[in-house]
């Protein structure tokens, strides 16, 4: 468990701890990591995340137990209205949805202001060709450390992944946006994240496609109404049908049955 877990409430769903924070607090934790001894890894908890990790006891073993172990400090944020609504109901408080697409713009804006170097791992070379001019237009002061579009086989090969991490480190990347899809991106970060020397590693899925303009973001009113899954399924039925129609319902049942909110401990604890 993250040694900071007592400082704010969490919702536990099976083996997945979800940090309950507002947007400003999440951003502060991410940028504080740029000067912290150990890096932070940020994951988004939605039904897909529950499907892949809630029943995986081994995932707990990948989480650092203390800052002194030199490992990653994981921050898992609410993404998706089923989790938001469950967290609100179980805690008696209102929490925002903090998906990668919700956070990426303020992260890039602040990175540009602070001169933090941002790299992008995942997506295709063609997407990166669209991404760079889009970033230059939207965030002209942003320093892009590099973009990396490895083949899937490279991500499952230790030597190849270590070489990728070394290239990211050589580019002096401060913030690494990792878009490899679940569960690949979280497992890659857990295995190789510290080798990149990045201080914040963001498992943000298809956010690069949003930034590059290849995939349309769900309208805010649709997302707030809980219809993001239907919107995305309409746009990418072949890729997402199994996730939403086969894997999603059992994950929703697990969420409803097992979610428990753990309140923050007193400061003296």
C-alpha atoms as a PDB file:
ATOM      1  CA  UNK A   1       0.000   0.000   0.000  1.00  0.00           C
ATOM      2  CA  UNK A   2       1.076   3.541  -0.709  1.00  0.00           C
ATOM      3  CA  UNK A   3       2.438   5.116   2.453  1.00  0.00           C
ATOM      4  CA  UNK A   4       0.291   8.199   1.810  1.00  0.00           C
ATOM      5  CA  UNK A   5      -2.936   6.203   1.761  1.00  0.00           C
ATOM      6  CA  UNK A   6      -3.974   7.388   5.241  1.00  0.00           C
ATOM      7  CA  UNK A   7      -4.067  11.027   4.116  1.00  0.00           C
ATOM      8  CA  UNK A   8      -7.276  10.733   2.069  1.00  0.00           C
ATOM      9  CA  UNK A   9     -10.150   8.260   1.740  1.00  0.00           C
ATOM     10  CA  UNK A  10      -9.974   5.301  -0.599  1.00  0.00           C
ATOM     11  CA  UNK A  11     -12.475   2.911  -2.079  1.00  0.00           C
ATOM     12  CA  UNK A  12     -11.373  -0.713  -2.190  1.00  0.00           C
ATOM     13  CA  UNK A  13     -12.862  -2.877  -4.955  1.00  0.00           C
ATOM     14  CA  UNK A  14     -11.453  -6.376  -4.667  1.00  0.00           C
ATOM     15  CA  UNK A  15      -7.695  -5.887  -4.993  1.00  0.00           C
ATOM     16  CA  UNK A  16      -8.019  -2.397  -6.499  1.00  0.00           C
ATOM     17  CA  UNK A  17      -7.544   0.598  -4.166  1.00  0.00           C
ATOM     18  CA  UNK A  18      -9.061   3.764  -5.662  1.00  0.00           C
ATOM     19  CA  UNK A  19      -7.895   7.122  -4.301  1.00  0.00           C
ATOM     20  CA  UNK A  20     -10.739   9.576  -3.676  1.00  0.00           C
ATOM     21  CA  UNK A  21      -9.459  13.046  -4.520  1.00  0.00           C
ATOM     22  CA  UNK A  22     -10.603  16.215  -6.219  1.00  0.00           C
ATOM     23  CA  UNK A  23      -8.879  17.448  -9.365  1.00  0.00           C
ATOM     24  CA  UNK A  24      -6.630  20.023  -7.703  1.00  0.00           C
ATOM     25  CA  UNK A  25      -5.363  17.534  -5.127  1.00  0.00           C
ATOM     26  CA  UNK A  26      -4.598  14.973  -7.831  1.00  0.00           C
ATOM     27  CA  UNK A  27      -2.682  17.537  -9.897  1.00  0.00           C
ATOM     28  CA  UNK A  28      -0.689  18.638  -6.853  1.00  0.00           C
ATOM     29  CA  UNK A  29       0.356  15.053  -6.146  1.00  0.00           C
ATOM     30  CA  UNK A  30       1.405  14.511  -9.762  1.00  0.00           C
ATOM     31  CA  UNK A  31       3.544  17.640  -9.934  1.00  0.00           C
ATOM     32  CA  UNK A  32       4.961  17.188  -6.439  1.00  0.00           C
ATOM     33  CA  UNK A  33       6.407  13.922  -7.746  1.00  0.00           C
ATOM     34  CA  UNK A  34       8.721  15.874 -10.063  1.00  0.00           C
ATOM     35  CA  UNK A  35      10.802  16.772  -7.020  1.00  0.00           C
ATOM     36  CA  UNK A  36      10.056  13.646  -4.942  1.00  0.00           C
ATOM     37  CA  UNK A  37      12.596  10.916  -4.269  1.00  0.00           C
ATOM     38  CA  UNK A  38      10.356   8.257  -5.800  1.00  0.00           C
ATOM     39  CA  UNK A  39       8.242   8.550  -8.948  1.00  0.00           C
ATOM     40  CA  UNK A  40       4.463   8.354  -9.069  1.00  0.00           C
ATOM     41  CA  UNK A  41       2.365   6.214 -11.402  1.00  0.00           C
ATOM     42  CA  UNK A  42      -1.210   7.263 -12.132  1.00  0.00           C
ATOM     43  CA  UNK A  43      -3.893   4.798 -13.217  1.00  0.00           C
ATOM     44  CA  UNK A  44      -7.558   5.327 -14.057  1.00  0.00           C
ATOM     45  CA  UNK A  45     -10.072   3.061 -12.334  1.00  0.00           C
ATOM     46  CA  UNK A  46     -13.049   2.250 -14.544  1.00  0.00           C
ATOM     47  CA  UNK A  47     -14.937  -1.004 -15.130  1.00  0.00           C
ATOM     48  CA  UNK A  48     -12.206  -2.161 -17.513  1.00  0.00           C
ATOM     49  CA  UNK A  49      -9.666  -1.646 -14.715  1.00  0.00           C
ATOM     50  CA  UNK A  50     -11.881  -3.592 -12.304  1.00  0.00           C
ATOM     51  CA  UNK A  51     -12.134  -6.412 -14.852  1.00  0.00           C
ATOM     52  CA  UNK A  52      -8.364  -6.710 -15.208  1.00  0.00           C
ATOM     53  CA  UNK A  53      -7.170  -6.045 -11.664  1.00  0.00           C
ATOM     54  CA  UNK A  54      -9.882  -6.432  -9.003  1.00  0.00           C
ATOM     55  CA  UNK A  55      -9.411 -10.197  -8.832  1.00  0.00           C
ATOM     56  CA  UNK A  56      -5.620 -10.098  -9.203  1.00  0.00           C
ATOM     57  CA  UNK A  57      -3.959 -10.530  -5.808  1.00  0.00           C
ATOM     58  CA  UNK A  58      -0.562 -10.348  -7.514  1.00  0.00           C
ATOM     59  CA  UNK A  59      -1.278  -6.736  -8.464  1.00  0.00           C
ATOM     60  CA  UNK A  60      -1.046  -5.761  -4.772  1.00  0.00           C
ATOM     61  CA  UNK A  61       2.493  -7.107  -4.737  1.00  0.00           C
ATOM     62  CA  UNK A  62       3.456  -4.620  -7.456  1.00  0.00           C
ATOM     63  CA  UNK A  63       2.482  -1.655  -5.272  1.00  0.00           C
ATOM     64  CA  UNK A  64       5.270  -0.147  -3.143  1.00  0.00           C
ATOM     65  CA  UNK A  65       4.970  -0.465   0.610  1.00  0.00           C
ATOM     66  CA  UNK A  66       7.106   2.575   1.456  1.00  0.00           C
ATOM     67  CA  UNK A  67       8.765   5.508  -0.252  1.00  0.00           C
ATOM     68  CA  UNK A  68      12.170   4.192   0.794  1.00  0.00           C
ATOM     69  CA  UNK A  69      11.897   1.069  -1.357  1.00  0.00           C
ATOM     70  CA  UNK A  70      12.775   3.042  -4.482  1.00  0.00           C
ATOM     71  CA  UNK A  71       9.627   1.881  -6.238  1.00  0.00           C
ATOM     72  CA  UNK A  72       6.659   3.607  -7.753  1.00  0.00           C
ATOM     73  CA  UNK A  73       3.965   5.259  -5.667  1.00  0.00           C
ATOM     74  CA  UNK A  74       0.638   4.377  -7.291  1.00  0.00           C
ATOM     75  CA  UNK A  75      -2.255   6.795  -7.505  1.00  0.00           C
ATOM     76  CA  UNK A  76      -5.482   5.271  -8.865  1.00  0.00           C
ATOM     77  CA  UNK A  77      -8.178   7.797  -9.729  1.00  0.00           C
ATOM     78  CA  UNK A  78     -11.915   7.572 -10.387  1.00  0.00           C
ATOM     79  CA  UNK A  79     -12.728   7.149 -14.065  1.00  0.00           C
ATOM     80  CA  UNK A  80     -16.222   6.250 -15.198  1.00  0.00           C
ATOM     81  CA  UNK A  81     -19.591   7.107 -13.739  1.00  0.00           C
ATOM     82  CA  UNK A  82     -20.283   3.653 -12.217  1.00  0.00           C
ATOM     83  CA  UNK A  83     -17.265   4.098  -9.942  1.00  0.00           C
ATOM     84  CA  UNK A  84     -18.013   7.763  -9.273  1.00  0.00           C
ATOM     85  CA  UNK A  85     -21.603   6.995  -8.280  1.00  0.00           C
ATOM     86  CA  UNK A  86     -20.541   4.088  -6.090  1.00  0.00           C
ATOM     87  CA  UNK A  87     -17.876   6.189  -4.356  1.00  0.00           C
ATOM     88  CA  UNK A  88     -20.389   8.976  -3.768  1.00  0.00           C
ATOM     89  CA  UNK A  89     -22.988   6.591  -2.337  1.00  0.00           C
ATOM     90  CA  UNK A  90     -20.565   4.671  -0.105  1.00  0.00           C
ATOM     91  CA  UNK A  91     -18.726   7.747   1.201  1.00  0.00           C
ATOM     92  CA  UNK A  92     -21.621  10.198   1.465  1.00  0.00           C
ATOM     93  CA  UNK A  93     -19.553  12.765  -0.445  1.00  0.00           C
ATOM     94  CA  UNK A  94     -19.355  13.947  -4.038  1.00  0.00           C
ATOM     95  CA  UNK A  95     -16.233  13.023  -6.020  1.00  0.00           C
ATOM     96  CA  UNK A  96     -15.308  14.069  -9.562  1.00  0.00           C
ATOM     97  CA  UNK A  97     -14.483  11.810 -12.481  1.00  0.00           C
ATOM     98  CA  UNK A  98     -10.739  12.131 -13.122  1.00  0.00           C
ATOM     99  CA  UNK A  99     -10.035  10.260 -16.335  1.00  0.00           C
ATOM    100  CA  UNK A 100      -6.868  10.757 -18.334  1.00  0.00           C
ATOM    101  CA  UNK A 101      -8.790  12.837 -20.852  1.00  0.00           C
ATOM    102  CA  UNK A 102     -10.088  15.031 -17.999  1.00  0.00           C
ATOM    103  CA  UNK A 103      -6.613  15.606 -16.576  1.00  0.00           C
ATOM    104  CA  UNK A 104      -4.361  15.793 -19.616  1.00  0.00           C
ATOM    105  CA  UNK A 105      -5.078  19.429 -20.545  1.00  0.00           C
ATOM    106  CA  UNK A 106      -4.322  20.910 -17.099  1.00  0.00           C
ATOM    107  CA  UNK A 107      -1.283  18.634 -16.849  1.00  0.00           C
ATOM    108  CA  UNK A 108       0.114  19.843 -20.175  1.00  0.00           C
ATOM    109  CA  UNK A 109      -0.671  23.465 -19.324  1.00  0.00           C
ATOM    110  CA  UNK A 110       1.183  23.224 -16.038  1.00  0.00           C
ATOM    111  CA  UNK A 111       4.044  21.274 -17.614  1.00  0.00           C
ATOM    112  CA  UNK A 112       4.473  24.079 -20.140  1.00  0.00           C
ATOM    113  CA  UNK A 113       4.515  26.661 -17.356  1.00  0.00           C
ATOM    114  CA  UNK A 114       7.066  24.747 -15.271  1.00  0.00           C
ATOM    115  CA  UNK A 115       9.218  23.634 -18.243  1.00  0.00           C
ATOM    116  CA  UNK A 116       8.683  19.973 -17.388  1.00  0.00           C
ATOM    117  CA  UNK A 117       9.624  17.654 -20.240  1.00  0.00           C
ATOM    118  CA  UNK A 118       6.747  15.453 -21.431  1.00  0.00           C
ATOM    119  CA  UNK A 119       7.097  12.234 -23.418  1.00  0.00           C
ATOM    120  CA  UNK A 120       4.493  10.004 -25.042  1.00  0.00           C
ATOM    121  CA  UNK A 121       4.737   6.205 -25.153  1.00  0.00           C
ATOM    122  CA  UNK A 122       2.171   4.301 -27.185  1.00  0.00           C
ATOM    123  CA  UNK A 123       0.023   4.878 -30.211  1.00  0.00           C
ATOM    124  CA  UNK A 124       1.257   4.695 -33.783  1.00  0.00           C
ATOM    125  CA  UNK A 125       3.917   6.685 -35.576  1.00  0.00           C
ATOM    126  CA  UNK A 126       1.145   8.118 -37.755  1.00  0.00           C
ATOM    127  CA  UNK A 127      -0.696   9.322 -34.661  1.00  0.00           C
ATOM    128  CA  UNK A 128       2.472  10.952 -33.372  1.00  0.00           C
ATOM    129  CA  UNK A 129       2.845  12.816 -36.665  1.00  0.00           C
ATOM    130  CA  UNK A 130      -0.540  14.385 -35.957  1.00  0.00           C
ATOM    131  CA  UNK A 131       0.148  14.800 -32.244  1.00  0.00           C
ATOM    132  CA  UNK A 132       3.224  17.010 -32.474  1.00  0.00           C
ATOM    133  CA  UNK A 133       1.700  19.854 -34.523  1.00  0.00           C
ATOM    134  CA  UNK A 134      -1.480  19.656 -32.423  1.00  0.00           C
ATOM    135  CA  UNK A 135       0.569  20.103 -29.252  1.00  0.00           C
ATOM    136  CA  UNK A 136       2.573  22.927 -30.813  1.00  0.00           C
ATOM    137  CA  UNK A 137      -0.662  24.761 -31.571  1.00  0.00           C
ATOM    138  CA  UNK A 138      -2.428  24.124 -28.268  1.00  0.00           C
ATOM    139  CA  UNK A 139       0.591  24.318 -25.944  1.00  0.00           C
ATOM    140  CA  UNK A 140       3.346  26.239 -27.768  1.00  0.00           C
ATOM    141  CA  UNK A 141       5.586  26.411 -24.682  1.00  0.00           C
ATOM    142  CA  UNK A 142       5.401  22.676 -23.981  1.00  0.00           C
ATOM    143  CA  UNK A 143       8.691  20.785 -24.159  1.00  0.00           C
ATOM    144  CA  UNK A 144       8.119  17.399 -25.800  1.00  0.00           C
ATOM    145  CA  UNK A 145      10.916  15.061 -24.735  1.00  0.00           C
ATOM    146  CA  UNK A 146      10.013  12.492 -27.384  1.00  0.00           C
ATOM    147  CA  UNK A 147       7.450  10.074 -28.752  1.00  0.00           C
ATOM    148  CA  UNK A 148       7.824   6.297 -28.856  1.00  0.00           C
ATOM    149  CA  UNK A 149       5.594   3.911 -30.805  1.00  0.00           C
ATOM    150  CA  UNK A 150       6.839   0.384 -30.035  1.00  0.00           C
ATOM    151  CA  UNK A 151       5.422  -2.747 -31.600  1.00  0.00           C
ATOM    152  CA  UNK A 152       3.359  -4.949 -29.293  1.00  0.00           C
ATOM    153  CA  UNK A 153       6.024  -7.679 -29.403  1.00  0.00           C
ATOM    154  CA  UNK A 154       8.588  -5.225 -28.022  1.00  0.00           C
ATOM    155  CA  UNK A 155       6.436  -4.555 -24.983  1.00  0.00           C
ATOM    156  CA  UNK A 156       6.458  -8.221 -23.973  1.00  0.00           C
ATOM    157  CA  UNK A 157      10.195  -8.629 -24.558  1.00  0.00           C
ATOM    158  CA  UNK A 158      12.376  -7.699 -21.586  1.00  0.00           C
ATOM    159  CA  UNK A 159      15.403  -6.544 -23.547  1.00  0.00           C
ATOM    160  CA  UNK A 160      13.308  -4.515 -25.954  1.00  0.00           C
ATOM    161  CA  UNK A 161      11.352  -2.900 -23.120  1.00  0.00           C
ATOM    162  CA  UNK A 162      14.537  -2.076 -21.243  1.00  0.00           C
ATOM    163  CA  UNK A 163      15.888  -0.456 -24.411  1.00  0.00           C
ATOM    164  CA  UNK A 164      12.701   1.602 -24.754  1.00  0.00           C
ATOM    165  CA  UNK A 165      12.998   2.693 -21.123  1.00  0.00           C
ATOM    166  CA  UNK A 166      16.641   3.643 -21.699  1.00  0.00           C
ATOM    167  CA  UNK A 167      15.685   5.845 -24.663  1.00  0.00           C
ATOM    168  CA  UNK A 168      13.028   7.554 -22.571  1.00  0.00           C
ATOM    169  CA  UNK A 169      15.582   8.143 -19.814  1.00  0.00           C
ATOM    170  CA  UNK A 170      18.126   9.505 -22.310  1.00  0.00           C
ATOM    171  CA  UNK A 171      15.522  12.053 -23.427  1.00  0.00           C
ATOM    172  CA  UNK A 172      15.356  13.356 -19.833  1.00  0.00           C
ATOM    173  CA  UNK A 173      11.615  12.813 -19.653  1.00  0.00           C
ATOM    174  CA  UNK A 174       9.934  14.214 -16.538  1.00  0.00           C
ATOM    175  CA  UNK A 175       6.335  13.199 -17.288  1.00  0.00           C
ATOM    176  CA  UNK A 176       5.621  10.122 -19.408  1.00  0.00           C
ATOM    177  CA  UNK A 177       2.137   9.676 -20.873  1.00  0.00           C
ATOM    178  CA  UNK A 178       1.699   5.933 -21.432  1.00  0.00           C
ATOM    179  CA  UNK A 179      -1.049   4.870 -23.820  1.00  0.00           C
ATOM    180  CA  UNK A 180      -0.716   1.118 -24.305  1.00  0.00           C
ATOM    181  CA  UNK A 181      -4.215   0.057 -23.264  1.00  0.00           C
ATOM    182  CA  UNK A 182      -5.218  -1.893 -20.169  1.00  0.00           C
ATOM    183  CA  UNK A 183      -3.768  -3.950 -18.655  1.00  0.00           C
ATOM    184  CA  UNK A 184      -0.606  -3.605 -20.727  1.00  0.00           C
ATOM    185  CA  UNK A 185       0.170  -0.019 -19.771  1.00  0.00           C
ATOM    186  CA  UNK A 186      -0.113  -0.566 -16.016  1.00  0.00           C
ATOM    187  CA  UNK A 187       1.945  -3.747 -16.126  1.00  0.00           C
ATOM    188  CA  UNK A 188       4.614  -2.115 -18.312  1.00  0.00           C
ATOM    189  CA  UNK A 189       4.864   0.809 -15.912  1.00  0.00           C
ATOM    190  CA  UNK A 190       5.061  -1.541 -12.913  1.00  0.00           C
ATOM    191  CA  UNK A 191       7.844  -3.533 -14.580  1.00  0.00           C
ATOM    192  CA  UNK A 192       9.889  -0.856 -16.348  1.00  0.00           C
ATOM    193  CA  UNK A 193       8.669   2.526 -15.123  1.00  0.00           C
ATOM    194  CA  UNK A 194      11.566   3.233 -12.785  1.00  0.00           C
ATOM    195  CA  UNK A 195      14.049   2.535 -15.596  1.00  0.00           C
ATOM    196  CA  UNK A 196      12.686   5.507 -17.559  1.00  0.00           C
ATOM    197  CA  UNK A 197      13.738   7.961 -14.823  1.00  0.00           C
ATOM    198  CA  UNK A 198      10.435   9.773 -15.417  1.00  0.00           C
ATOM    199  CA  UNK A 199       9.034  11.247 -12.221  1.00  0.00           C
ATOM    200  CA  UNK A 200       5.361  10.884 -13.190  1.00  0.00           C
ATOM    201  CA  UNK A 201       4.070   8.044 -15.368  1.00  0.00           C
ATOM    202  CA  UNK A 202       0.487   8.450 -16.521  1.00  0.00           C
ATOM    203  CA  UNK A 203      -1.407   5.357 -17.702  1.00  0.00           C
ATOM    204  CA  UNK A 204      -3.863   7.350 -19.798  1.00  0.00           C
ATOM    205  CA  UNK A 205      -5.004   4.921 -22.493  1.00  0.00           C
ATOM    206  CA  UNK A 206      -6.196   6.569 -25.698  1.00  0.00           C
ATOM    207  CA  UNK A 207      -5.479  10.139 -24.609  1.00  0.00           C
ATOM    208  CA  UNK A 208      -2.853  10.483 -27.351  1.00  0.00           C
ATOM    209  CA  UNK A 209      -5.557   9.750 -29.927  1.00  0.00           C
ATOM    210  CA  UNK A 210      -7.725  12.484 -28.407  1.00  0.00           C
ATOM    211  CA  UNK A 211      -4.864  14.984 -28.456  1.00  0.00           C
ATOM    212  CA  UNK A 212      -3.980  14.099 -32.048  1.00  0.00           C
ATOM    213  CA  UNK A 213      -7.590  14.510 -33.135  1.00  0.00           C
ATOM    214  CA  UNK A 214      -7.975  10.902 -34.274  1.00  0.00           C
ATOM    215  CA  UNK A 215     -10.719  10.048 -31.764  1.00  0.00           C
ATOM    216  CA  UNK A 216     -13.470  12.434 -30.673  1.00  0.00           C
ATOM    217  CA  UNK A 217     -13.914  13.026 -26.953  1.00  0.00           C
ATOM    218  CA  UNK A 218     -17.296  12.155 -25.522  1.00  0.00           C
ATOM    219  CA  UNK A 219     -19.466  15.275 -25.062  1.00  0.00           C
ATOM    220  CA  UNK A 220     -19.421  16.384 -21.438  1.00  0.00           C
ATOM    221  CA  UNK A 221     -23.178  16.028 -20.991  1.00  0.00           C
ATOM    222  CA  UNK A 222     -23.031  12.442 -22.282  1.00  0.00           C
ATOM    223  CA  UNK A 223     -20.131  11.562 -19.998  1.00  0.00           C
ATOM    224  CA  UNK A 224     -21.785  13.112 -16.950  1.00  0.00           C
ATOM    225  CA  UNK A 225     -24.937  11.120 -17.660  1.00  0.00           C
ATOM    226  CA  UNK A 226     -22.962   7.873 -17.673  1.00  0.00           C
ATOM    227  CA  UNK A 227     -23.224   7.366 -21.429  1.00  0.00           C
ATOM    228  CA  UNK A 228     -19.528   7.414 -22.315  1.00  0.00           C
ATOM    229  CA  UNK A 229     -19.468   3.653 -22.879  1.00  0.00           C
ATOM    230  CA  UNK A 230     -22.303   3.880 -25.439  1.00  0.00           C
ATOM    231  CA  UNK A 231     -20.659   6.828 -27.202  1.00  0.00           C
ATOM    232  CA  UNK A 232     -17.329   5.060 -27.513  1.00  0.00           C
ATOM    233  CA  UNK A 233     -18.952   1.774 -28.495  1.00  0.00           C
ATOM    234  CA  UNK A 234     -20.767   3.593 -31.298  1.00  0.00           C
ATOM    235  CA  UNK A 235     -17.463   5.036 -32.579  1.00  0.00           C
ATOM    236  CA  UNK A 236     -15.359   1.858 -32.247  1.00  0.00           C
ATOM    237  CA  UNK A 237     -17.720  -1.148 -32.107  1.00  0.00           C
ATOM    238  CA  UNK A 238     -15.241  -3.803 -33.221  1.00  0.00           C
ATOM    239  CA  UNK A 239     -12.573  -2.799 -30.719  1.00  0.00           C
ATOM    240  CA  UNK A 240     -14.825  -2.103 -27.746  1.00  0.00           C
ATOM    241  CA  UNK A 241     -17.770  -4.516 -28.007  1.00  0.00           C
ATOM    242  CA  UNK A 242     -16.116  -7.209 -25.888  1.00  0.00           C
ATOM    243  CA  UNK A 243     -14.979  -4.711 -23.253  1.00  0.00           C
ATOM    244  CA  UNK A 244     -18.356  -3.093 -22.750  1.00  0.00           C
ATOM    245  CA  UNK A 245     -20.808  -5.898 -23.518  1.00  0.00           C
ATOM    246  CA  UNK A 246     -18.975  -8.996 -22.229  1.00  0.00           C
ATOM    247  CA  UNK A 247     -16.414  -7.880 -19.644  1.00  0.00           C
ATOM    248  CA  UNK A 248     -18.226  -4.809 -18.321  1.00  0.00           C
ATOM    249  CA  UNK A 249     -21.355  -6.346 -16.718  1.00  0.00           C
ATOM    250  CA  UNK A 250     -19.475  -8.773 -14.397  1.00  0.00           C
ATOM    251  CA  UNK A 251     -17.128  -5.935 -13.407  1.00  0.00           C
ATOM    252  CA  UNK A 252     -20.145  -3.800 -12.530  1.00  0.00           C
ATOM    253  CA  UNK A 253     -21.542  -6.618 -10.368  1.00  0.00           C
ATOM    254  CA  UNK A 254     -18.188  -6.927  -8.568  1.00  0.00           C
ATOM    255  CA  UNK A 255     -18.134  -3.169  -8.009  1.00  0.00           C
ATOM    256  CA  UNK A 256     -21.621  -3.120  -6.507  1.00  0.00           C
ATOM    257  CA  UNK A 257     -20.992  -6.140  -4.293  1.00  0.00           C
ATOM    258  CA  UNK A 258     -17.498  -5.481  -2.980  1.00  0.00           C
ATOM    259  CA  UNK A 259     -16.771  -1.727  -2.952  1.00  0.00           C
ATOM    260  CA  UNK A 260     -15.820  -0.509   0.526  1.00  0.00           C
ATOM    261  CA  UNK A 261     -14.766   3.049   1.376  1.00  0.00           C
ATOM    262  CA  UNK A 262     -11.839   3.353   3.777  1.00  0.00           C
ATOM    263  CA  UNK A 263     -11.887   6.768   5.417  1.00  0.00           C
ATOM    264  CA  UNK A 264      -8.702   8.756   5.924  1.00  0.00           C
ATOM    265  CA  UNK A 265      -7.000   8.015   9.222  1.00  0.00           C
ATOM    266  CA  UNK A 266      -6.381  10.806  11.756  1.00  0.00           C
ATOM    267  CA  UNK A 267      -3.125  12.670  11.236  1.00  0.00           C
ATOM    268  CA  UNK A 268      -1.721  11.228  14.469  1.00  0.00           C
ATOM    269  CA  UNK A 269      -2.323   7.635  13.377  1.00  0.00           C
END
